Amino acid sequence: MTLSARQALSGQLLSWPEVKEQPHRFGGIEFQYKGKEIGHLHGDYLLDVLLPKALRDQFVAEGRAEPHHIYPDSGWISFYIRSSEDIAKAAELLRIKYDHMVQKETGR
């Protein structure tokens, strides 16, 4: 059986310390670390993540993500999941954000 993007990402993220999942205010699901959003998934095809602007600009320049589909000049990125390989790339983007959040909190 093949997992959907939502199932696969939920399975990974919920195994990380202090991560929870809840409905997102604009639909889909939101992943949170200690009550703060890591990113959110619309259906099985669109991931949005808020990043520090420099990192957001780097990811867009490298083609790893696109500017946010509604707020293209913000720190948000959009990542479209079109294949099973994209699920791993989406998980990587979320892990980068998660690690940044943990580092910011712990000072490590």
PDB file of N, CA and C in Angstrom:
ATOM      1  N   MET A   1       0.831  -1.177   0.000  1.00  0.00           N
ATOM      2  CA  MET A   1       0.000   0.000   0.000  1.00  0.00           C
ATOM      3  C   MET A   1       0.885   1.254   0.000  1.00  0.00           C
ATOM      4  N   THR A   2       0.562   2.208  -0.821  1.00  0.00           N
ATOM      5  CA  THR A   2       1.308   3.458  -0.907  1.00  0.00           C
ATOM      6  C   THR A   2       0.656   4.502  -0.002  1.00  0.00           C
ATOM      7  N   LEU A   3       1.475   5.159   0.779  1.00  0.00           N
ATOM      8  CA  LEU A   3       0.975   6.204   1.661  1.00  0.00           C
ATOM      9  C   LEU A   3       0.770   7.497   0.882  1.00  0.00           C
ATOM     10  N   SER A   4      -0.240   8.264   1.250  1.00  0.00           N
ATOM     11  CA  SER A   4      -0.434   9.592   0.675  1.00  0.00           C
ATOM     12  C   SER A   4       0.656  10.506   1.231  1.00  0.00           C
ATOM     13  N   ALA A   5       0.819  11.656   0.617  1.00  0.00           N
ATOM     14  CA  ALA A   5       1.798  12.625   1.117  1.00  0.00           C
ATOM     15  C   ALA A   5       1.474  13.014   2.555  1.00  0.00           C
ATOM     16  N   ARG A   6       0.202  13.231   2.821  1.00  0.00           N
ATOM     17  CA  ARG A   6      -0.205  13.609   4.189  1.00  0.00           C
ATOM     18  C   ARG A   6       0.154  12.501   5.177  1.00  0.00           C
ATOM     19  N   GLN A   7      -0.149  11.262   4.846  1.00  0.00           N
ATOM     20  CA  GLN A   7       0.157  10.150   5.744  1.00  0.00           C
ATOM     21  C   GLN A   7       1.666  10.010   5.954  1.00  0.00           C
ATOM     22  N   ALA A   8       2.418  10.102   4.862  1.00  0.00           N
ATOM     23  CA  ALA A   8       3.867   9.937   4.949  1.00  0.00           C
ATOM     24  C   ALA A   8       4.497  11.057   5.776  1.00  0.00           C
ATOM     25  N   LEU A   9       4.103  12.301   5.509  1.00  0.00           N
ATOM     26  CA  LEU A   9       4.674  13.426   6.252  1.00  0.00           C
ATOM     27  C   LEU A   9       4.239  13.402   7.711  1.00  0.00           C
ATOM     28  N   SER A  10       2.986  13.089   7.962  1.00  0.00           N
ATOM     29  CA  SER A  10       2.509  12.992   9.350  1.00  0.00           C
ATOM     30  C   SER A  10       3.298  11.933  10.110  1.00  0.00           C
ATOM     31  N   GLY A  11       3.489  10.788   9.479  1.00  0.00           N
ATOM     32  CA  GLY A  11       4.237   9.714  10.130  1.00  0.00           C
ATOM     33  C   GLY A  11       5.635  10.147  10.517  1.00  0.00           C
ATOM     34  N   GLN A  12       6.294  10.887   9.628  1.00  0.00           N
ATOM     35  CA  GLN A  12       7.657  11.345   9.930  1.00  0.00           C
ATOM     36  C   GLN A  12       7.658  12.422  11.008  1.00  0.00           C
ATOM     37  N   LEU A  13       6.861  13.465  10.796  1.00  0.00           N
ATOM     38  CA  LEU A  13       6.918  14.598  11.712  1.00  0.00           C
ATOM     39  C   LEU A  13       6.453  14.251  13.119  1.00  0.00           C
ATOM     40  N   LEU A  14       5.455  13.410  13.226  1.00  0.00           N
ATOM     41  CA  LEU A  14       4.954  13.068  14.555  1.00  0.00           C
ATOM     42  C   LEU A  14       5.930  12.196  15.334  1.00  0.00           C
ATOM     43  N   SER A  15       6.981  11.726  14.668  1.00  0.00           N
ATOM     44  CA  SER A  15       8.027  10.973  15.371  1.00  0.00           C
ATOM     45  C   SER A  15       9.105  11.909  15.930  1.00  0.00           C
ATOM     46  N   TRP A  16       9.067  13.183  15.561  1.00  0.00           N
ATOM     47  CA  TRP A  16      10.027  14.153  16.067  1.00  0.00           C
ATOM     48  C   TRP A  16       9.562  14.658  17.439  1.00  0.00           C
ATOM     49  N   PRO A  17      10.490  14.909  18.359  1.00  0.00           N
ATOM     50  CA  PRO A  17      10.112  15.381  19.690  1.00  0.00           C
ATOM     51  C   PRO A  17       9.277  16.657  19.650  1.00  0.00           C
ATOM     52  N   GLU A  18       8.222  16.674  20.452  1.00  0.00           N
ATOM     53  CA  GLU A  18       7.369  17.850  20.681  1.00  0.00           C
ATOM     54  C   GLU A  18       6.552  18.287  19.453  1.00  0.00           C
ATOM     55  N   VAL A  19       6.400  17.443  18.431  1.00  0.00           N
ATOM     56  CA  VAL A  19       5.628  17.821  17.249  1.00  0.00           C
ATOM     57  C   VAL A  19       4.210  17.285  17.372  1.00  0.00           C
ATOM     58  N   LYS A  20       3.267  18.154  17.046  1.00  0.00           N
ATOM     59  CA  LYS A  20       1.848  17.800  17.046  1.00  0.00           C
ATOM     60  C   LYS A  20       1.253  18.208  15.691  1.00  0.00           C
ATOM     61  N   GLU A  21       0.094  17.624  15.413  1.00  0.00           N
ATOM     62  CA  GLU A  21      -0.628  17.933  14.175  1.00  0.00           C
ATOM     63  C   GLU A  21      -2.010  18.437  14.556  1.00  0.00           C
ATOM     64  N   GLN A  22      -2.489  19.436  13.820  1.00  0.00           N
ATOM     65  CA  GLN A  22      -3.837  19.934  14.055  1.00  0.00           C
ATOM     66  C   GLN A  22      -4.387  20.497  12.747  1.00  0.00           C
ATOM     67  N   PRO A  23      -5.693  20.714  12.685  1.00  0.00           N
ATOM     68  CA  PRO A  23      -6.250  21.327  11.477  1.00  0.00           C
ATOM     69  C   PRO A  23      -5.670  22.734  11.285  1.00  0.00           C
ATOM     70  N   HIS A  24      -5.445  23.108  10.046  1.00  0.00           N
ATOM     71  CA  HIS A  24      -4.942  24.451   9.732  1.00  0.00           C
ATOM     72  C   HIS A  24      -6.128  25.384   9.497  1.00  0.00           C
ATOM     73  N   ARG A  25      -5.989  26.619   9.864  1.00  0.00           N
ATOM     74  CA  ARG A  25      -7.111  27.566   9.784  1.00  0.00           C
ATOM     75  C   ARG A  25      -7.602  27.813   8.359  1.00  0.00           C
ATOM     76  N   PHE A  26      -6.769  27.554   7.349  1.00  0.00           N
ATOM     77  CA  PHE A  26      -7.195  27.733   5.958  1.00  0.00           C
ATOM     78  C   PHE A  26      -7.397  26.396   5.257  1.00  0.00           C
ATOM     79  N   GLY A  27      -7.586  25.345   6.029  1.00  0.00           N
ATOM     80  CA  GLY A  27      -7.791  24.012   5.469  1.00  0.00           C
ATOM     81  C   GLY A  27      -6.501  23.209   5.509  1.00  0.00           C
ATOM     82  N   GLY A  28      -6.626  21.912   5.465  1.00  0.00           N
ATOM     83  CA  GLY A  28      -5.465  21.045   5.519  1.00  0.00           C
ATOM     84  C   GLY A  28      -5.027  20.819   6.951  1.00  0.00           C
ATOM     85  N   ILE A  29      -3.755  20.453   7.097  1.00  0.00           N
ATOM     86  CA  ILE A  29      -3.209  20.182   8.426  1.00  0.00           C
ATOM     87  C   ILE A  29      -1.974  21.045   8.664  1.00  0.00           C
ATOM     88  N   GLU A  30      -1.748  21.307   9.924  1.00  0.00           N
ATOM     89  CA  GLU A  30      -0.609  22.116  10.360  1.00  0.00           C
ATOM     90  C   GLU A  30       0.229  21.285  11.315  1.00  0.00           C
ATOM     91  N   PHE A  31       1.533  21.351  11.138  1.00  0.00           N
ATOM     92  CA  PHE A  31       2.459  20.700  12.053  1.00  0.00           C
ATOM     93  C   PHE A  31       3.034  21.774  12.956  1.00  0.00           C
ATOM     94  N   GLN A  32       3.057  21.488  14.261  1.00  0.00           N
ATOM     95  CA  GLN A  32       3.542  22.463  15.230  1.00  0.00           C
ATOM     96  C   GLN A  32       4.616  21.865  16.123  1.00  0.00           C
ATOM     97  N   TYR A  33       5.568  22.711  16.479  1.00  0.00           N
ATOM     98  CA  TYR A  33       6.572  22.384  17.477  1.00  0.00           C
ATOM     99  C   TYR A  33       6.292  23.276  18.677  1.00  0.00           C
ATOM    100  N   LYS A  34       5.908  22.666  19.775  1.00  0.00           N
ATOM    101  CA  LYS A  34       5.593  23.400  21.008  1.00  0.00           C
ATOM    102  C   LYS A  34       4.636  24.563  20.742  1.00  0.00           C
ATOM    103  N   GLY A  35       3.614  24.301  19.942  1.00  0.00           N
ATOM    104  CA  GLY A  35       2.571  25.292  19.690  1.00  0.00           C
ATOM    105  C   GLY A  35       2.866  26.298  18.602  1.00  0.00           C
ATOM    106  N   LYS A  36       4.049  26.213  17.988  1.00  0.00           N
ATOM    107  CA  LYS A  36       4.404  27.139  16.905  1.00  0.00           C
ATOM    108  C   LYS A  36       4.459  26.370  15.591  1.00  0.00           C
ATOM    109  N   GLU A  37       3.942  26.982  14.544  1.00  0.00           N
ATOM    110  CA  GLU A  37       3.835  26.294  13.252  1.00  0.00           C
ATOM    111  C   GLU A  37       5.183  26.012  12.606  1.00  0.00           C
ATOM    112  N   ILE A  38       5.363  24.761  12.207  1.00  0.00           N
ATOM    113  CA  ILE A  38       6.510  24.357  11.389  1.00  0.00           C
ATOM    114  C   ILE A  38       6.153  24.597   9.929  1.00  0.00           C
ATOM    115  N   GLY A  39       4.972  24.162   9.540  1.00  0.00           N
ATOM    116  CA  GLY A  39       4.470  24.326   8.184  1.00  0.00           C
ATOM    117  C   GLY A  39       3.093  23.706   8.096  1.00  0.00           C
ATOM    118  N   HIS A  40       2.440  23.905   6.958  1.00  0.00           N
ATOM    119  CA  HIS A  40       1.120  23.303   6.795  1.00  0.00           C
ATOM    120  C   HIS A  40       0.977  22.717   5.399  1.00  0.00           C
ATOM    121  N   LEU A  41       0.124  21.722   5.327  1.00  0.00           N
ATOM    122  CA  LEU A  41      -0.082  20.947   4.113  1.00  0.00           C
ATOM    123  C   LEU A  41      -1.525  21.107   3.672  1.00  0.00           C
ATOM    124  N   HIS A  42      -1.709  21.524   2.432  1.00  0.00           N
ATOM    125  CA  HIS A  42      -3.034  21.603   1.823  1.00  0.00           C
ATOM    126  C   HIS A  42      -3.228  20.329   1.014  1.00  0.00           C
ATOM    127  N   GLY A  43      -4.122  19.460   1.457  1.00  0.00           N
ATOM    128  CA  GLY A  43      -4.351  18.199   0.753  1.00  0.00           C
ATOM    129  C   GLY A  43      -3.080  17.367   0.714  1.00  0.00           C
ATOM    130  N   ASP A  44      -2.845  16.764  -0.424  1.00  0.00           N
ATOM    131  CA  ASP A  44      -1.641  15.940  -0.610  1.00  0.00           C
ATOM    132  C   ASP A  44      -0.683  16.560  -1.616  1.00  0.00           C
ATOM    133  N   TYR A  45      -0.838  17.845  -1.882  1.00  0.00           N
ATOM    134  CA  TYR A  45      -0.051  18.392  -2.985  1.00  0.00           C
ATOM    135  C   TYR A  45       0.664  19.712  -2.724  1.00  0.00           C
ATOM    136  N   LEU A  46       0.336  20.415  -1.654  1.00  0.00           N
ATOM    137  CA  LEU A  46       0.930  21.737  -1.457  1.00  0.00           C
ATOM    138  C   LEU A  46       1.365  21.926  -0.010  1.00  0.00           C
ATOM    139  N   LEU A  47       2.657  22.186   0.170  1.00  0.00           N
ATOM    140  CA  LEU A  47       3.248  22.457   1.480  1.00  0.00           C
ATOM    141  C   LEU A  47       3.664  23.915   1.531  1.00  0.00           C
ATOM    142  N   ASP A  48       3.307  24.597   2.622  1.00  0.00           N
ATOM    143  CA  ASP A  48       3.734  25.976   2.860  1.00  0.00           C
ATOM    144  C   ASP A  48       4.550  26.018   4.142  1.00  0.00           C
ATOM    145  N   VAL A  49       5.695  26.717   4.081  1.00  0.00           N
ATOM    146  CA  VAL A  49       6.593  26.817   5.234  1.00  0.00           C
ATOM    147  C   VAL A  49       7.096  28.256   5.319  1.00  0.00           C
ATOM    148  N   LEU A  50       7.071  28.832   6.521  1.00  0.00           N
ATOM    149  CA  LEU A  50       7.630  30.162   6.758  1.00  0.00           C
ATOM    150  C   LEU A  50       9.080  30.003   7.183  1.00  0.00           C
ATOM    151  N   LEU A  51       9.966  30.658   6.452  1.00  0.00           N
ATOM    152  CA  LEU A  51      11.406  30.567   6.716  1.00  0.00           C
ATOM    153  C   LEU A  51      11.983  31.953   6.950  1.00  0.00           C
ATOM    154  N   PRO A  52      13.155  32.025   7.580  1.00  0.00           N
ATOM    155  CA  PRO A  52      13.856  33.309   7.600  1.00  0.00           C
ATOM    156  C   PRO A  52      14.063  33.759   6.149  1.00  0.00           C
ATOM    157  N   LYS A  53      13.929  35.052   5.893  1.00  0.00           N
ATOM    158  CA  LYS A  53      13.924  35.572   4.518  1.00  0.00           C
ATOM    159  C   LYS A  53      15.161  35.144   3.722  1.00  0.00           C
ATOM    160  N   ALA A  54      16.327  35.163   4.319  1.00  0.00           N
ATOM    161  CA  ALA A  54      17.548  34.783   3.591  1.00  0.00           C
ATOM    162  C   ALA A  54      17.485  33.318   3.154  1.00  0.00           C
ATOM    163  N   LEU A  55      16.995  32.459   4.032  1.00  0.00           N
ATOM    164  CA  LEU A  55      16.868  31.045   3.694  1.00  0.00           C
ATOM    165  C   LEU A  55      15.784  30.840   2.638  1.00  0.00           C
ATOM    166  N   ARG A  56      14.690  31.553   2.778  1.00  0.00           N
ATOM    167  CA  ARG A  56      13.623  31.501   1.781  1.00  0.00           C
ATOM    168  C   ARG A  56      14.167  31.904   0.416  1.00  0.00           C
ATOM    169  N   ASP A  57      14.909  32.998   0.363  1.00  0.00           N
ATOM    170  CA  ASP A  57      15.472  33.467  -0.905  1.00  0.00           C
ATOM    171  C   ASP A  57      16.445  32.446  -1.492  1.00  0.00           C
ATOM    172  N   GLN A  58      17.236  31.830  -0.645  1.00  0.00           N
ATOM    173  CA  GLN A  58      18.185  30.808  -1.099  1.00  0.00           C
ATOM    174  C   GLN A  58      17.445  29.618  -1.705  1.00  0.00           C
ATOM    175  N   PHE A  59      16.429  29.118  -1.020  1.00  0.00           N
ATOM    176  CA  PHE A  59      15.683  27.955  -1.514  1.00  0.00           C
ATOM    177  C   PHE A  59      14.993  28.257  -2.843  1.00  0.00           C
ATOM    178  N   VAL A  60      14.444  29.450  -2.973  1.00  0.00           N
ATOM    179  CA  VAL A  60      13.796  29.830  -4.234  1.00  0.00           C
ATOM    180  C   VAL A  60      14.834  29.933  -5.341  1.00  0.00           C
ATOM    181  N   ALA A  61      15.974  30.570  -5.061  1.00  0.00           N
ATOM    182  CA  ALA A  61      17.034  30.721  -6.059  1.00  0.00           C
ATOM    183  C   ALA A  61      17.576  29.366  -6.519  1.00  0.00           C
ATOM    184  N   GLU A  62      17.657  28.413  -5.599  1.00  0.00           N
ATOM    185  CA  GLU A  62      18.160  27.074  -5.930  1.00  0.00           C
ATOM    186  C   GLU A  62      17.105  26.186  -6.589  1.00  0.00           C
ATOM    187  N   GLY A  63      15.865  26.659  -6.648  1.00  0.00           N
ATOM    188  CA  GLY A  63      14.793  25.860  -7.224  1.00  0.00           C
ATOM    189  C   GLY A  63      14.258  24.787  -6.298  1.00  0.00           C
ATOM    190  N   ARG A  64      14.572  24.886  -5.016  1.00  0.00           N
ATOM    191  CA  ARG A  64      14.104  23.892  -4.036  1.00  0.00           C
ATOM    192  C   ARG A  64      12.682  24.174  -3.585  1.00  0.00           C
ATOM    193  N   ALA A  65      12.201  25.390  -3.836  1.00  0.00           N
ATOM    194  CA  ALA A  65      10.840  25.793  -3.476  1.00  0.00           C
ATOM    195  C   ALA A  65      10.457  26.972  -4.358  1.00  0.00           C
ATOM    196  N   GLU A  66       9.192  27.335  -4.277  1.00  0.00           N
ATOM    197  CA  GLU A  66       8.696  28.487  -5.032  1.00  0.00           C
ATOM    198  C   GLU A  66       8.234  29.554  -4.042  1.00  0.00           C
ATOM    199  N   PRO A  67       8.192  30.803  -4.493  1.00  0.00           N
ATOM    200  CA  PRO A  67       7.606  31.818  -3.623  1.00  0.00           C
ATOM    201  C   PRO A  67       6.178  31.394  -3.260  1.00  0.00           C
ATOM    202  N   HIS A  68       5.705  31.832  -2.118  1.00  0.00           N
ATOM    203  CA  HIS A  68       4.369  31.457  -1.665  1.00  0.00           C
ATOM    204  C   HIS A  68       3.328  31.780  -2.734  1.00  0.00           C
ATOM    205  N   HIS A  69       2.379  30.897  -2.882  1.00  0.00           N
ATOM    206  CA  HIS A  69       1.385  31.003  -3.947  1.00  0.00           C
ATOM    207  C   HIS A  69       0.446  32.192  -3.787  1.00  0.00           C
ATOM    208  N   ILE A  70       0.318  32.758  -2.599  1.00  0.00           N
ATOM    209  CA  ILE A  70      -0.532  33.934  -2.396  1.00  0.00           C
ATOM    210  C   ILE A  70       0.296  35.152  -1.980  1.00  0.00           C
ATOM    211  N   TYR A  71       1.327  34.934  -1.167  1.00  0.00           N
ATOM    212  CA  TYR A  71       2.175  36.024  -0.660  1.00  0.00           C
ATOM    213  C   TYR A  71       3.613  35.835  -1.148  1.00  0.00           C
ATOM    214  N   PRO A  72       3.866  36.078  -2.423  1.00  0.00           N
ATOM    215  CA  PRO A  72       5.174  35.765  -3.002  1.00  0.00           C
ATOM    216  C   PRO A  72       6.337  36.602  -2.465  1.00  0.00           C
ATOM    217  N   ASP A  73       6.065  37.735  -1.873  1.00  0.00           N
ATOM    218  CA  ASP A  73       7.146  38.589  -1.369  1.00  0.00           C
ATOM    219  C   ASP A  73       7.393  38.411   0.129  1.00  0.00           C
ATOM    220  N   SER A  74       6.741  37.423   0.721  1.00  0.00           N
ATOM    221  CA  SER A  74       6.894  37.172   2.155  1.00  0.00           C
ATOM    222  C   SER A  74       8.009  36.151   2.381  1.00  0.00           C
ATOM    223  N   GLY A  75       8.183  35.734   3.613  1.00  0.00           N
ATOM    224  CA  GLY A  75       9.147  34.696   3.944  1.00  0.00           C
ATOM    225  C   GLY A  75       8.601  33.292   3.699  1.00  0.00           C
ATOM    226  N   TRP A  76       7.356  33.204   3.298  1.00  0.00           N
ATOM    227  CA  TRP A  76       6.741  31.897   3.046  1.00  0.00           C
ATOM    228  C   TRP A  76       7.210  31.306   1.723  1.00  0.00           C
ATOM    229  N   ILE A  77       7.357  29.982   1.715  1.00  0.00           N
ATOM    230  CA  ILE A  77       7.607  29.247   0.474  1.00  0.00           C
ATOM    231  C   ILE A  77       6.453  28.281   0.251  1.00  0.00           C
ATOM    232  N   SER A  78       6.238  27.941  -0.998  1.00  0.00           N
ATOM    233  CA  SER A  78       5.302  26.881  -1.364  1.00  0.00           C
ATOM    234  C   SER A  78       6.107  25.790  -2.052  1.00  0.00           C
ATOM    235  N   PHE A  79       5.759  24.563  -1.727  1.00  0.00           N
ATOM    236  CA  PHE A  79       6.413  23.418  -2.353  1.00  0.00           C
ATOM    237  C   PHE A  79       5.309  22.481  -2.833  1.00  0.00           C
ATOM    238  N   TYR A  80       5.308  22.209  -4.127  1.00  0.00           N
ATOM    239  CA  TYR A  80       4.288  21.358  -4.721  1.00  0.00           C
ATOM    240  C   TYR A  80       4.756  19.909  -4.745  1.00  0.00           C
ATOM    241  N   ILE A  81       3.927  19.037  -4.220  1.00  0.00           N
ATOM    242  CA  ILE A  81       4.236  17.606  -4.151  1.00  0.00           C
ATOM    243  C   ILE A  81       3.578  16.924  -5.341  1.00  0.00           C
ATOM    244  N   ARG A  82       4.425  16.499  -6.273  1.00  0.00           N
ATOM    245  CA  ARG A  82       3.918  15.898  -7.509  1.00  0.00           C
ATOM    246  C   ARG A  82       4.304  14.434  -7.669  1.00  0.00           C
ATOM    247  N   SER A  83       5.213  13.961  -6.811  1.00  0.00           N
ATOM    248  CA  SER A  83       5.698  12.584  -6.929  1.00  0.00           C
ATOM    249  C   SER A  83       6.122  12.085  -5.553  1.00  0.00           C
ATOM    250  N   SER A  84       6.393  10.809  -5.465  1.00  0.00           N
ATOM    251  CA  SER A  84       6.843  10.255  -4.183  1.00  0.00           C
ATOM    252  C   SER A  84       8.204  10.832  -3.787  1.00  0.00           C
ATOM    253  N   GLU A  85       9.036  11.174  -4.761  1.00  0.00           N
ATOM    254  CA  GLU A  85      10.330  11.792  -4.451  1.00  0.00           C
ATOM    255  C   GLU A  85      10.131  13.164  -3.794  1.00  0.00           C
ATOM    256  N   ASP A  86       9.063  13.842  -4.193  1.00  0.00           N
ATOM    257  CA  ASP A  86       8.786  15.160  -3.625  1.00  0.00           C
ATOM    258  C   ASP A  86       8.395  15.073  -2.156  1.00  0.00           C
ATOM    259  N   ILE A  87       7.849  13.945  -1.720  1.00  0.00           N
ATOM    260  CA  ILE A  87       7.505  13.784  -0.304  1.00  0.00           C
ATOM    261  C   ILE A  87       8.775  13.868   0.543  1.00  0.00           C
ATOM    262  N   ALA A  88       9.837  13.225   0.088  1.00  0.00           N
ATOM    263  CA  ALA A  88      11.114  13.286   0.815  1.00  0.00           C
ATOM    264  C   ALA A  88      11.662  14.707   0.831  1.00  0.00           C
ATOM    265  N   LYS A  89      11.521  15.424  -0.274  1.00  0.00           N
ATOM    266  CA  LYS A  89      11.991  16.814  -0.332  1.00  0.00           C
ATOM    267  C   LYS A  89      11.162  17.699   0.592  1.00  0.00           C
ATOM    268  N   ALA A  90       9.857  17.450   0.661  1.00  0.00           N
ATOM    269  CA  ALA A  90       8.988  18.206   1.564  1.00  0.00           C
ATOM    270  C   ALA A  90       9.393  17.942   3.012  1.00  0.00           C
ATOM    271  N   ALA A  91       9.657  16.689   3.331  1.00  0.00           N
ATOM    272  CA  ALA A  91      10.089  16.344   4.693  1.00  0.00           C
ATOM    273  C   ALA A  91      11.403  17.040   5.026  1.00  0.00           C
ATOM    274  N   GLU A  92      12.297  17.141   4.055  1.00  0.00           N
ATOM    275  CA  GLU A  92      13.574  17.825   4.276  1.00  0.00           C
ATOM    276  C   GLU A  92      13.351  19.305   4.580  1.00  0.00           C
ATOM    277  N   LEU A  93      12.468  19.959   3.841  1.00  0.00           N
ATOM    278  CA  LEU A  93      12.167  21.372   4.100  1.00  0.00           C
ATOM    279  C   LEU A  93      11.592  21.553   5.508  1.00  0.00           C
ATOM    280  N   LEU A  94      10.683  20.671   5.872  1.00  0.00           N
ATOM    281  CA  LEU A  94      10.094  20.748   7.205  1.00  0.00           C
ATOM    282  C   LEU A  94      11.138  20.476   8.289  1.00  0.00           C
ATOM    283  N   ARG A  95      12.065  19.579   8.018  1.00  0.00           N
ATOM    284  CA  ARG A  95      13.113  19.263   9.003  1.00  0.00           C
ATOM    285  C   ARG A  95      14.047  20.456   9.189  1.00  0.00           C
ATOM    286  N   ILE A  96      14.352  21.138   8.110  1.00  0.00           N
ATOM    287  CA  ILE A  96      15.202  22.331   8.211  1.00  0.00           C
ATOM    288  C   ILE A  96      14.518  23.373   9.097  1.00  0.00           C
ATOM    289  N   LYS A  97      13.222  23.582   8.882  1.00  0.00           N
ATOM    290  CA  LYS A  97      12.474  24.546   9.704  1.00  0.00           C
ATOM    291  C   LYS A  97      12.419  24.068  11.159  1.00  0.00           C
ATOM    292  N   TYR A  98      12.130  22.794  11.373  1.00  0.00           N
ATOM    293  CA  TYR A  98      12.069  22.227  12.717  1.00  0.00           C
ATOM    294  C   TYR A  98      13.408  22.417  13.431  1.00  0.00           C
ATOM    295  N   ASP A  99      14.493  22.053  12.781  1.00  0.00           N
ATOM    296  CA  ASP A  99      15.820  22.193  13.393  1.00  0.00           C
ATOM    297  C   ASP A  99      16.114  23.653  13.732  1.00  0.00           C
ATOM    298  N   HIS A 100      15.705  24.564  12.861  1.00  0.00           N
ATOM    299  CA  HIS A 100      15.893  25.991  13.107  1.00  0.00           C
ATOM    300  C   HIS A 100      15.114  26.418  14.364  1.00  0.00           C
ATOM    301  N   MET A 101      13.894  25.923  14.498  1.00  0.00           N
ATOM    302  CA  MET A 101      13.071  26.260  15.656  1.00  0.00           C
ATOM    303  C   MET A 101      13.679  25.720  16.950  1.00  0.00           C
ATOM    304  N   VAL A 102      14.144  24.474  16.911  1.00  0.00           N
ATOM    305  CA  VAL A 102      14.752  23.871  18.089  1.00  0.00           C
ATOM    306  C   VAL A 102      16.022  24.621  18.458  1.00  0.00           C
ATOM    307  N   GLN A 103      16.846  24.925  17.459  1.00  0.00           N
ATOM    308  CA  GLN A 103      18.093  25.649  17.704  1.00  0.00           C
ATOM    309  C   GLN A 103      17.824  27.030  18.294  1.00  0.00           C
ATOM    310  N   LYS A 104      16.829  27.700  17.767  1.00  0.00           N
ATOM    311  CA  LYS A 104      16.490  29.034  18.262  1.00  0.00           C
ATOM    312  C   LYS A 104      16.034  28.969  19.725  1.00  0.00           C
ATOM    313  N   GLU A 105      15.275  27.946  20.047  1.00  0.00           N
ATOM    314  CA  GLU A 105      14.770  27.798  21.411  1.00  0.00           C
ATOM    315  C   GLU A 105      15.865  27.415  22.405  1.00  0.00           C
ATOM    316  N   THR A 106      16.719  26.476  21.992  1.00  0.00           N
ATOM    317  CA  THR A 106      17.722  25.936  22.911  1.00  0.00           C
ATOM    318  C   THR A 106      19.044  26.702  22.885  1.00  0.00           C
ATOM    319  N   GLY A 107      19.250  27.511  21.851  1.00  0.00           N
ATOM    320  CA  GLY A 107      20.498  28.236  21.729  1.00  0.00           C
ATOM    321  C   GLY A 107      21.657  27.395  21.265  1.00  0.00           C
ATOM    322  N   ARG A 108      21.345  26.172  20.756  1.00  0.00           N
ATOM    323  CA  ARG A 108      22.403  25.279  20.263  1.00  0.00           C
ATOM    324  C   ARG A 108      22.466  25.279  18.771  1.00  0.00           C
TER     325      ARG A 108
END
